[in-house]
Amino acid sequence: MFFVLIGLAFLMDKKKSMEMLKQREAEGVSENDGPTIEYQAIDIYRELIDEKKGVQPVDENQALKREKMKLFLK
């Protein structure tokens, strides 16, 4: 009976995910509408550690990059 239970749970999970997909398509939401990750974790770590040490950004692009990283982490 255990294997029947596992099979039923798997089928219900598949059914639920298909329903969610159909609902999202009906609402006009695509799979790529979620947040995009622009930077790797090591880049964020290095940049924000430099900021914590008091290293000033070299240019406006680097300052903007730091702000994006902070916003992403929030």
C-alpha atoms as a PDB file:
ATOM      1  CA  MET A   1       0.000   0.000   0.000  1.00  0.00           C
ATOM      2  CA  PHE A   2       2.982   2.314   0.569  1.00  0.00           C
ATOM      3  CA  PHE A   3       3.814   2.364  -3.148  1.00  0.00           C
ATOM      4  CA  VAL A   4       0.193   3.173  -3.989  1.00  0.00           C
ATOM      5  CA  LEU A   5       0.358   6.113  -1.573  1.00  0.00           C
ATOM      6  CA  ILE A   6       3.582   7.363  -3.193  1.00  0.00           C
ATOM      7  CA  GLY A   7       2.041   7.032  -6.654  1.00  0.00           C
ATOM      8  CA  LEU A   8      -1.086   8.927  -5.643  1.00  0.00           C
ATOM      9  CA  ALA A   9       0.958  11.706  -4.025  1.00  0.00           C
ATOM     10  CA  PHE A  10       3.045  12.035  -7.188  1.00  0.00           C
ATOM     11  CA  LEU A  11      -0.028  12.226  -9.412  1.00  0.00           C
ATOM     12  CA  MET A  12      -1.699  14.829  -7.199  1.00  0.00           C
ATOM     13  CA  ASP A  13       1.474  16.908  -7.223  1.00  0.00           C
ATOM     14  CA  LYS A  14       1.589  16.786 -11.027  1.00  0.00           C
ATOM     15  CA  LYS A  15      -2.094  17.714 -11.242  1.00  0.00           C
ATOM     16  CA  LYS A  16      -1.618  20.664  -8.883  1.00  0.00           C
ATOM     17  CA  SER A  17       1.405  21.966 -10.804  1.00  0.00           C
ATOM     18  CA  MET A  18      -0.485  21.738 -14.105  1.00  0.00           C
ATOM     19  CA  GLU A  19      -3.413  23.671 -12.592  1.00  0.00           C
ATOM     20  CA  MET A  20      -1.047  26.372 -11.337  1.00  0.00           C
ATOM     21  CA  LEU A  21       0.591  26.604 -14.774  1.00  0.00           C
ATOM     22  CA  LYS A  22      -2.777  26.973 -16.500  1.00  0.00           C
ATOM     23  CA  GLN A  23      -3.834  29.629 -13.990  1.00  0.00           C
ATOM     24  CA  ARG A  24      -0.634  31.606 -14.527  1.00  0.00           C
ATOM     25  CA  GLU A  25      -1.064  31.417 -18.315  1.00  0.00           C
ATOM     26  CA  ALA A  26      -4.671  32.626 -17.996  1.00  0.00           C
ATOM     27  CA  GLU A  27      -3.450  35.595 -15.941  1.00  0.00           C
ATOM     28  CA  GLY A  28      -0.838  36.384 -18.579  1.00  0.00           C
ATOM     29  CA  VAL A  29       2.153  35.726 -16.333  1.00  0.00           C
ATOM     30  CA  SER A  30       5.089  34.007 -17.982  1.00  0.00           C
ATOM     31  CA  GLU A  31       7.775  31.909 -16.316  1.00  0.00           C
ATOM     32  CA  ASN A  32      10.381  34.650 -16.851  1.00  0.00           C
ATOM     33  CA  ASP A  33       8.502  37.364 -14.946  1.00  0.00           C
ATOM     34  CA  GLY A  34      10.293  36.568 -11.684  1.00  0.00           C
ATOM     35  CA  PRO A  35      13.305  38.437 -10.353  1.00  0.00           C
ATOM     36  CA  THR A  36      16.443  38.172 -12.413  1.00  0.00           C
ATOM     37  CA  ILE A  37      19.792  37.594 -10.809  1.00  0.00           C
ATOM     38  CA  GLU A  38      22.376  39.903 -12.325  1.00  0.00           C
ATOM     39  CA  TYR A  39      25.299  39.143 -10.025  1.00  0.00           C
ATOM     40  CA  GLN A  40      26.803  36.065  -8.450  1.00  0.00           C
ATOM     41  CA  ALA A  41      26.963  35.754  -4.684  1.00  0.00           C
ATOM     42  CA  ILE A  42      30.743  36.191  -4.612  1.00  0.00           C
ATOM     43  CA  ASP A  43      30.453  39.478  -6.547  1.00  0.00           C
ATOM     44  CA  ILE A  44      27.885  40.784  -4.078  1.00  0.00           C
ATOM     45  CA  TYR A  45      30.026  39.703  -1.139  1.00  0.00           C
ATOM     46  CA  ARG A  46      33.165  41.381  -2.457  1.00  0.00           C
ATOM     47  CA  GLU A  47      31.429  44.609  -3.414  1.00  0.00           C
ATOM     48  CA  LEU A  48      29.545  45.016  -0.158  1.00  0.00           C
ATOM     49  CA  ILE A  49      32.581  44.106   1.954  1.00  0.00           C
ATOM     50  CA  ASP A  50      34.500  46.866   0.161  1.00  0.00           C
ATOM     51  CA  GLU A  51      31.691  49.267   0.994  1.00  0.00           C
ATOM     52  CA  LYS A  52      31.732  48.169   4.633  1.00  0.00           C
ATOM     53  CA  LYS A  53      35.499  48.826   4.737  1.00  0.00           C
ATOM     54  CA  GLY A  54      34.880  52.343   3.474  1.00  0.00           C
ATOM     55  CA  VAL A  55      36.176  51.942  -0.077  1.00  0.00           C
ATOM     56  CA  GLN A  56      34.444  54.546  -2.237  1.00  0.00           C
ATOM     57  CA  PRO A  57      32.988  53.562  -5.619  1.00  0.00           C
ATOM     58  CA  VAL A  58      35.230  54.367  -8.579  1.00  0.00           C
ATOM     59  CA  ASP A  59      32.440  55.773 -10.748  1.00  0.00           C
ATOM     60  CA  GLU A  60      28.682  56.225 -10.914  1.00  0.00           C
ATOM     61  CA  ASN A  61      28.201  52.753 -12.459  1.00  0.00           C
ATOM     62  CA  GLN A  62      29.841  51.060  -9.491  1.00  0.00           C
ATOM     63  CA  ALA A  63      27.697  53.060  -7.061  1.00  0.00           C
ATOM     64  CA  LEU A  64      24.582  52.038  -8.996  1.00  0.00           C
ATOM     65  CA  LYS A  65      25.778  48.419  -8.962  1.00  0.00           C
ATOM     66  CA  ARG A  66      26.110  48.527  -5.160  1.00  0.00           C
ATOM     67  CA  GLU A  67      22.608  49.929  -4.782  1.00  0.00           C
ATOM     68  CA  LYS A  68      21.178  47.194  -7.028  1.00  0.00           C
ATOM     69  CA  MET A  69      22.953  44.570  -4.948  1.00  0.00           C
ATOM     70  CA  LYS A  70      21.564  45.984  -1.704  1.00  0.00           C
ATOM     71  CA  LEU A  71      18.062  46.136  -3.154  1.00  0.00           C
ATOM     72  CA  PHE A  72      18.353  42.531  -4.374  1.00  0.00           C
ATOM     73  CA  LEU A  73      19.383  41.340  -0.918  1.00  0.00           C
ATOM     74  CA  LYS A  74      16.417  43.079   0.721  1.00  0.00           C
END
